[in-house]
Amino acid sequence: MSMTADELAKRQAIIDACRRMNALGINQGTSGNISLRHGDGLLITPTSVPYDAMTTEQIVFMTMDGSFARDQKPSSEWRFHRDILKSRADVNAVVHAHPLYATILAIMGMEIPPVHYMIAAAGGDTIRCAPYATFGTAELSEHAVRALEGRLACLLDHHGMIAIGKTLDKAMWLAVEVETLARQYHGCLQIGKPPLLTSAEIERVRQRMAGYGLSET
């Protein structure tokens, strides 16, 4: 397989990020998946390949119409990766994982409210939970795209979470931050109903974050 240095670097970055997800504990096994915009399409993790054994040649290139080489098998979740990148010109990377606390809230169909000012890093005053749909379906993709409107992260009911960003590093950073927020909210719920910051305060924080390069909306 012939590829440019830029493409090779992107493929390796995806593999490195996959391994980092598991090392950080925000994903288990091969349940997560990652994509990066590339040319007129995207590069995405293959289905059911252990991250430690994954090679750059196994990363799948897919066009925006969903076409890919016959000898390759992209992640079963390729639809929402493709649709997010198609609908969001501001986004170049999509990270999907099943972190413990974010998934607990997703199973309960709960969004993450403004319990901490860092919720603003996800682009708004909540991290929404998209309605349930079977994995890999167009319906799930539609729900995810809608939940991400004006946002950089969302939960997926009875499933997991998605974080997006201009770069893979930013999407990965946000994925970790969403799990931290989910864990904080879960902890608060063990004590009682937590007090929430106002939407106005979250917007002030979001504007301040923009100066530090943390907010992308």
C-alpha atoms as a PDB file:
ATOM      1  CA  MET A   1       0.000   0.000   0.000  1.00  0.00           C
ATOM      2  CA  SER A   2       1.514   3.287  -1.124  1.00  0.00           C
ATOM      3  CA  MET A   3       0.861   6.306   1.080  1.00  0.00           C
ATOM      4  CA  THR A   4       2.258   9.760   1.738  1.00  0.00           C
ATOM      5  CA  ALA A   5       4.172  10.646   4.890  1.00  0.00           C
ATOM      6  CA  ASP A   6       1.159  12.686   6.047  1.00  0.00           C
ATOM      7  CA  GLU A   7      -1.207   9.747   5.653  1.00  0.00           C
ATOM      8  CA  LEU A   8       1.195   7.370   7.381  1.00  0.00           C
ATOM      9  CA  ALA A   9       1.500   9.795  10.298  1.00  0.00           C
ATOM     10  CA  LYS A  10      -2.294  10.026  10.607  1.00  0.00           C
ATOM     11  CA  ARG A  11      -2.673   6.260  10.546  1.00  0.00           C
ATOM     12  CA  GLN A  12      -0.053   5.856  13.261  1.00  0.00           C
ATOM     13  CA  ALA A  13      -1.654   8.636  15.313  1.00  0.00           C
ATOM     14  CA  ILE A  14      -4.956   6.740  15.254  1.00  0.00           C
ATOM     15  CA  ILE A  15      -3.267   3.549  16.465  1.00  0.00           C
ATOM     16  CA  ASP A  16      -1.393   5.425  19.203  1.00  0.00           C
ATOM     17  CA  ALA A  17      -4.630   7.077  20.353  1.00  0.00           C
ATOM     18  CA  CYS A  18      -6.452   3.729  20.463  1.00  0.00           C
ATOM     19  CA  ARG A  19      -3.758   2.248  22.671  1.00  0.00           C
ATOM     20  CA  ARG A  20      -3.804   5.356  24.846  1.00  0.00           C
ATOM     21  CA  MET A  21      -7.589   5.049  25.326  1.00  0.00           C
ATOM     22  CA  ASN A  22      -7.149   1.634  26.876  1.00  0.00           C
ATOM     23  CA  ALA A  23      -4.100   2.692  28.902  1.00  0.00           C
ATOM     24  CA  LEU A  24      -6.112   5.608  30.330  1.00  0.00           C
ATOM     25  CA  GLY A  25      -8.992   3.298  31.188  1.00  0.00           C
ATOM     26  CA  ILE A  26     -11.567   5.124  29.053  1.00  0.00           C
ATOM     27  CA  ASN A  27     -12.098   2.109  26.816  1.00  0.00           C
ATOM     28  CA  GLN A  28     -11.944  -1.663  27.027  1.00  0.00           C
ATOM     29  CA  GLY A  29     -10.719  -4.071  24.368  1.00  0.00           C
ATOM     30  CA  THR A  30     -11.679  -3.028  20.839  1.00  0.00           C
ATOM     31  CA  SER A  31     -15.053  -1.477  21.710  1.00  0.00           C
ATOM     32  CA  GLY A  32     -13.900   2.052  20.863  1.00  0.00           C
ATOM     33  CA  ASN A  33     -13.106   3.534  17.476  1.00  0.00           C
ATOM     34  CA  ILE A  34     -11.362   6.610  16.104  1.00  0.00           C
ATOM     35  CA  SER A  35     -11.416   8.506  12.805  1.00  0.00           C
ATOM     36  CA  LEU A  36      -9.484  11.377  11.243  1.00  0.00           C
ATOM     37  CA  ARG A  37     -10.424  13.507   8.258  1.00  0.00           C
ATOM     38  CA  HIS A  38      -8.096  12.820   5.326  1.00  0.00           C
ATOM     39  CA  GLY A  39      -8.336  14.382   1.878  1.00  0.00           C
ATOM     40  CA  ASP A  40     -11.842  13.884   0.503  1.00  0.00           C
ATOM     41  CA  GLY A  41     -12.633  11.199   3.031  1.00  0.00           C
ATOM     42  CA  LEU A  42     -11.542   9.814   6.369  1.00  0.00           C
ATOM     43  CA  LEU A  43      -9.260   7.275   7.979  1.00  0.00           C
ATOM     44  CA  ILE A  44     -10.942   5.002  10.521  1.00  0.00           C
ATOM     45  CA  THR A  45     -10.043   2.056  12.725  1.00  0.00           C
ATOM     46  CA  PRO A  46     -10.816  -1.420  11.377  1.00  0.00           C
ATOM     47  CA  THR A  47     -13.370  -3.636  13.087  1.00  0.00           C
ATOM     48  CA  SER A  48     -12.378  -6.201  15.744  1.00  0.00           C
ATOM     49  CA  VAL A  49      -8.605  -5.752  15.534  1.00  0.00           C
ATOM     50  CA  PRO A  50      -6.742  -5.667  18.885  1.00  0.00           C
ATOM     51  CA  TYR A  51      -5.058  -2.292  19.274  1.00  0.00           C
ATOM     52  CA  ASP A  52      -1.704  -3.796  20.192  1.00  0.00           C
ATOM     53  CA  ALA A  53      -1.687  -5.776  16.946  1.00  0.00           C
ATOM     54  CA  MET A  54      -3.114  -3.039  14.704  1.00  0.00           C
ATOM     55  CA  THR A  55      -0.918  -1.881  11.812  1.00  0.00           C
ATOM     56  CA  THR A  56      -1.040   1.272   9.717  1.00  0.00           C
ATOM     57  CA  GLU A  57      -2.084  -0.786   6.668  1.00  0.00           C
ATOM     58  CA  GLN A  58      -5.198  -1.960   8.525  1.00  0.00           C
ATOM     59  CA  ILE A  59      -6.508   1.569   9.088  1.00  0.00           C
ATOM     60  CA  VAL A  60      -9.312   1.990   6.552  1.00  0.00           C
ATOM     61  CA  PHE A  61      -9.619   4.895   4.132  1.00  0.00           C
ATOM     62  CA  MET A  62     -13.254   5.676   3.396  1.00  0.00           C
ATOM     63  CA  THR A  63     -14.751   8.259   1.049  1.00  0.00           C
ATOM     64  CA  MET A  64     -17.621  10.449   2.219  1.00  0.00           C
ATOM     65  CA  ASP A  65     -20.067   8.322   0.232  1.00  0.00           C
ATOM     66  CA  GLY A  66     -19.153   5.344   2.417  1.00  0.00           C
ATOM     67  CA  SER A  67     -16.973   3.524  -0.103  1.00  0.00           C
ATOM     68  CA  PHE A  68     -13.849   1.634   0.949  1.00  0.00           C
ATOM     69  CA  ALA A  69     -11.561  -1.097  -0.405  1.00  0.00           C
ATOM     70  CA  ARG A  70     -13.156  -4.553  -0.572  1.00  0.00           C
ATOM     71  CA  ASP A  71     -10.339  -6.177   1.351  1.00  0.00           C
ATOM     72  CA  GLN A  72     -10.803  -3.866   4.348  1.00  0.00           C
ATOM     73  CA  LYS A  73     -13.426  -3.783   7.096  1.00  0.00           C
ATOM     74  CA  PRO A  74     -14.017  -0.444   8.841  1.00  0.00           C
ATOM     75  CA  SER A  75     -15.406  -0.084  12.347  1.00  0.00           C
ATOM     76  CA  SER A  76     -19.055  -1.066  12.631  1.00  0.00           C
ATOM     77  CA  GLU A  77     -19.653   2.521  13.815  1.00  0.00           C
ATOM     78  CA  TRP A  78     -18.305   4.102  10.602  1.00  0.00           C
ATOM     79  CA  ARG A  79     -21.657   5.766   9.850  1.00  0.00           C
ATOM     80  CA  PHE A  80     -21.591   8.271  12.688  1.00  0.00           C
ATOM     81  CA  HIS A  81     -17.899   8.965  12.116  1.00  0.00           C
ATOM     82  CA  ARG A  82     -18.602   9.728   8.460  1.00  0.00           C
ATOM     83  CA  ASP A  83     -21.769  11.698   9.145  1.00  0.00           C
ATOM     84  CA  ILE A  84     -20.192  13.807  11.892  1.00  0.00           C
ATOM     85  CA  LEU A  85     -17.266  14.731   9.656  1.00  0.00           C
ATOM     86  CA  LYS A  86     -19.644  15.467   6.752  1.00  0.00           C
ATOM     87  CA  SER A  87     -21.834  17.732   8.848  1.00  0.00           C
ATOM     88  CA  ARG A  88     -19.110  19.509  10.827  1.00  0.00           C
ATOM     89  CA  ALA A  89     -16.475  21.377   8.803  1.00  0.00           C
ATOM     90  CA  ASP A  90     -14.932  22.491  12.121  1.00  0.00           C
ATOM     91  CA  VAL A  91     -14.185  18.895  13.134  1.00  0.00           C
ATOM     92  CA  ASN A  92     -11.311  16.699  11.956  1.00  0.00           C
ATOM     93  CA  ALA A  93     -11.281  13.931  14.571  1.00  0.00           C
ATOM     94  CA  VAL A  94     -13.903  11.682  16.171  1.00  0.00           C
ATOM     95  CA  VAL A  95     -13.268   9.538  19.245  1.00  0.00           C
ATOM     96  CA  HIS A  96     -15.811   6.957  20.415  1.00  0.00           C
ATOM     97  CA  ALA A  97     -15.327   4.987  23.625  1.00  0.00           C
ATOM     98  CA  HIS A  98     -17.170   3.236  26.456  1.00  0.00           C
ATOM     99  CA  PRO A  99     -15.679   4.803  29.629  1.00  0.00           C
ATOM    100  CA  LEU A 100     -17.196   3.445  32.837  1.00  0.00           C
ATOM    101  CA  TYR A 101     -18.873   6.497  34.381  1.00  0.00           C
ATOM    102  CA  ALA A 102     -19.978   8.124  31.127  1.00  0.00           C
ATOM    103  CA  THR A 103     -21.504   4.797  30.123  1.00  0.00           C
ATOM    104  CA  ILE A 104     -23.286   4.439  33.485  1.00  0.00           C
ATOM    105  CA  LEU A 105     -24.988   7.785  32.894  1.00  0.00           C
ATOM    106  CA  ALA A 106     -25.702   6.827  29.275  1.00  0.00           C
ATOM    107  CA  ILE A 107     -27.374   3.591  30.406  1.00  0.00           C
ATOM    108  CA  MET A 108     -29.620   5.708  32.603  1.00  0.00           C
ATOM    109  CA  GLY A 109     -30.352   8.045  29.679  1.00  0.00           C
ATOM    110  CA  MET A 110     -28.945  10.981  31.643  1.00  0.00           C
ATOM    111  CA  GLU A 111     -27.154  14.009  30.293  1.00  0.00           C
ATOM    112  CA  ILE A 112     -24.335  15.663  32.243  1.00  0.00           C
ATOM    113  CA  PRO A 113     -25.558  19.030  33.570  1.00  0.00           C
ATOM    114  CA  PRO A 114     -23.330  22.004  34.543  1.00  0.00           C
ATOM    115  CA  VAL A 115     -22.022  20.549  37.808  1.00  0.00           C
ATOM    116  CA  HIS A 116     -18.532  21.925  37.072  1.00  0.00           C
ATOM    117  CA  TYR A 117     -17.323  24.817  34.936  1.00  0.00           C
ATOM    118  CA  MET A 118     -15.285  22.439  32.745  1.00  0.00           C
ATOM    119  CA  ILE A 119     -18.550  21.336  31.136  1.00  0.00           C
ATOM    120  CA  ALA A 120     -17.964  24.402  28.947  1.00  0.00           C
ATOM    121  CA  ALA A 121     -15.063  22.602  27.247  1.00  0.00           C
ATOM    122  CA  ALA A 122     -17.671  20.452  25.494  1.00  0.00           C
ATOM    123  CA  GLY A 123     -19.203  23.550  23.889  1.00  0.00           C
ATOM    124  CA  GLY A 124     -22.297  24.249  25.964  1.00  0.00           C
ATOM    125  CA  ASP A 125     -23.972  24.008  29.360  1.00  0.00           C
ATOM    126  CA  THR A 126     -24.743  20.278  29.114  1.00  0.00           C
ATOM    127  CA  ILE A 127     -23.372  17.117  27.569  1.00  0.00           C
ATOM    128  CA  ARG A 128     -26.457  15.685  25.941  1.00  0.00           C
ATOM    129  CA  CYS A 129     -27.415  12.027  25.814  1.00  0.00           C
ATOM    130  CA  ALA A 130     -28.520  10.892  22.345  1.00  0.00           C
ATOM    131  CA  PRO A 131     -31.525   8.522  22.225  1.00  0.00           C
ATOM    132  CA  TYR A 132     -30.850   4.818  21.867  1.00  0.00           C
ATOM    133  CA  ALA A 133     -30.549   3.104  18.505  1.00  0.00           C
ATOM    134  CA  THR A 134     -28.834  -0.120  17.468  1.00  0.00           C
ATOM    135  CA  PHE A 135     -25.080   0.272  17.005  1.00  0.00           C
ATOM    136  CA  GLY A 136     -23.866   0.898  13.468  1.00  0.00           C
ATOM    137  CA  THR A 137     -27.245   2.080  12.172  1.00  0.00           C
ATOM    138  CA  ALA A 138     -28.194   5.225  10.288  1.00  0.00           C
ATOM    139  CA  GLU A 139     -30.662   5.966  13.104  1.00  0.00           C
ATOM    140  CA  LEU A 140     -27.889   6.040  15.703  1.00  0.00           C
ATOM    141  CA  SER A 141     -25.839   8.283  13.446  1.00  0.00           C
ATOM    142  CA  GLU A 142     -28.741  10.731  13.105  1.00  0.00           C
ATOM    143  CA  HIS A 143     -29.197  10.813  16.879  1.00  0.00           C
ATOM    144  CA  ALA A 144     -25.478  11.421  17.441  1.00  0.00           C
ATOM    145  CA  VAL A 145     -25.216  14.225  14.890  1.00  0.00           C
ATOM    146  CA  ARG A 146     -28.244  15.933  16.461  1.00  0.00           C
ATOM    147  CA  ALA A 147     -26.890  15.572  20.008  1.00  0.00           C
ATOM    148  CA  LEU A 148     -23.605  17.127  18.884  1.00  0.00           C
ATOM    149  CA  GLU A 149     -25.191  20.256  17.400  1.00  0.00           C
ATOM    150  CA  GLY A 150     -23.331  23.140  19.017  1.00  0.00           C
ATOM    151  CA  ARG A 151     -21.370  20.650  21.115  1.00  0.00           C
ATOM    152  CA  LEU A 152     -18.080  18.753  21.057  1.00  0.00           C
ATOM    153  CA  ALA A 153     -19.209  15.706  23.029  1.00  0.00           C
ATOM    154  CA  CYS A 154     -22.278  13.629  23.731  1.00  0.00           C
ATOM    155  CA  LEU A 155     -23.345  10.416  25.435  1.00  0.00           C
ATOM    156  CA  LEU A 156     -25.133   7.612  23.587  1.00  0.00           C
ATOM    157  CA  ASP A 157     -28.034   6.021  25.465  1.00  0.00           C
ATOM    158  CA  HIS A 158     -27.178   2.469  26.636  1.00  0.00           C
ATOM    159  CA  HIS A 159     -23.919   2.672  24.718  1.00  0.00           C
ATOM    160  CA  GLY A 160     -21.046   5.088  25.426  1.00  0.00           C
ATOM    161  CA  MET A 161     -19.761   8.509  24.434  1.00  0.00           C
ATOM    162  CA  ILE A 162     -18.375  10.527  21.520  1.00  0.00           C
ATOM    163  CA  ALA A 163     -15.848  13.369  21.645  1.00  0.00           C
ATOM    164  CA  ILE A 164     -14.871  15.417  18.600  1.00  0.00           C
ATOM    165  CA  GLY A 165     -12.298  18.096  17.867  1.00  0.00           C
ATOM    166  CA  LYS A 166     -10.218  20.015  15.364  1.00  0.00           C
ATOM    167  CA  THR A 167      -7.340  17.673  16.141  1.00  0.00           C
ATOM    168  CA  LEU A 168      -7.063  14.151  17.467  1.00  0.00           C
ATOM    169  CA  ASP A 169      -5.203  15.417  20.529  1.00  0.00           C
ATOM    170  CA  LYS A 170      -8.100  17.761  21.377  1.00  0.00           C
ATOM    171  CA  ALA A 171     -10.713  15.059  20.843  1.00  0.00           C
ATOM    172  CA  MET A 172      -8.751  12.662  23.060  1.00  0.00           C
ATOM    173  CA  TRP A 173      -8.299  15.313  25.754  1.00  0.00           C
ATOM    174  CA  LEU A 174     -12.034  15.988  25.708  1.00  0.00           C
ATOM    175  CA  ALA A 175     -12.894  12.286  25.912  1.00  0.00           C
ATOM    176  CA  VAL A 176     -10.892  12.067  29.136  1.00  0.00           C
ATOM    177  CA  GLU A 177     -12.512  15.261  30.443  1.00  0.00           C
ATOM    178  CA  VAL A 178     -16.018  13.952  29.727  1.00  0.00           C
ATOM    179  CA  GLU A 179     -15.269  10.817  31.749  1.00  0.00           C
ATOM    180  CA  THR A 180     -13.966  13.009  34.598  1.00  0.00           C
ATOM    181  CA  LEU A 181     -17.162  15.083  34.531  1.00  0.00           C
ATOM    182  CA  ALA A 182     -19.277  11.921  34.442  1.00  0.00           C
ATOM    183  CA  ARG A 183     -17.428  10.549  37.456  1.00  0.00           C
ATOM    184  CA  GLN A 184     -17.880  13.837  39.352  1.00  0.00           C
ATOM    185  CA  TYR A 185     -21.592  13.939  38.563  1.00  0.00           C
ATOM    186  CA  HIS A 186     -22.030  10.302  39.524  1.00  0.00           C
ATOM    187  CA  GLY A 187     -20.271  11.011  42.822  1.00  0.00           C
ATOM    188  CA  CYS A 188     -22.486  14.014  43.534  1.00  0.00           C
ATOM    189  CA  LEU A 189     -25.601  11.935  42.941  1.00  0.00           C
ATOM    190  CA  GLN A 190     -24.508   9.568  45.719  1.00  0.00           C
ATOM    191  CA  ILE A 191     -24.817  12.511  48.142  1.00  0.00           C
ATOM    192  CA  GLY A 192     -27.864  14.230  46.722  1.00  0.00           C
ATOM    193  CA  LYS A 193     -29.030  16.564  43.979  1.00  0.00           C
ATOM    194  CA  PRO A 194     -26.033  18.777  43.091  1.00  0.00           C
ATOM    195  CA  PRO A 195     -26.329  22.551  42.674  1.00  0.00           C
ATOM    196  CA  LEU A 196     -25.764  23.623  39.080  1.00  0.00           C
ATOM    197  CA  LEU A 197     -23.985  26.540  37.462  1.00  0.00           C
ATOM    198  CA  THR A 198     -26.138  28.818  35.330  1.00  0.00           C
ATOM    199  CA  SER A 199     -26.112  28.810  31.532  1.00  0.00           C
ATOM    200  CA  ALA A 200     -24.847  32.397  31.629  1.00  0.00           C
ATOM    201  CA  GLU A 201     -21.877  31.412  33.774  1.00  0.00           C
ATOM    202  CA  ILE A 202     -21.013  28.475  31.508  1.00  0.00           C
ATOM    203  CA  GLU A 203     -21.062  30.827  28.521  1.00  0.00           C
ATOM    204  CA  ARG A 204     -18.700  33.215  30.339  1.00  0.00           C
ATOM    205  CA  VAL A 205     -16.368  30.308  31.039  1.00  0.00           C
ATOM    206  CA  ARG A 206     -16.608  29.118  27.438  1.00  0.00           C
ATOM    207  CA  GLN A 207     -15.588  32.531  26.159  1.00  0.00           C
ATOM    208  CA  ARG A 208     -12.640  32.653  28.552  1.00  0.00           C
ATOM    209  CA  MET A 209     -11.585  29.162  27.514  1.00  0.00           C
ATOM    210  CA  ALA A 210     -11.441  30.250  23.878  1.00  0.00           C
ATOM    211  CA  GLY A 211      -8.452  32.385  24.778  1.00  0.00           C
ATOM    212  CA  TYR A 212      -6.656  29.328  26.087  1.00  0.00           C
ATOM    213  CA  GLY A 213      -7.437  27.183  23.053  1.00  0.00           C
ATOM    214  CA  LEU A 214      -9.700  24.822  25.004  1.00  0.00           C
ATOM    215  CA  SER A 215     -13.030  25.777  23.461  1.00  0.00           C
ATOM    216  CA  GLU A 216     -13.583  25.158  19.746  1.00  0.00           C
ATOM    217  CA  THR A 217     -17.125  26.316  19.145  1.00  0.00           C
END
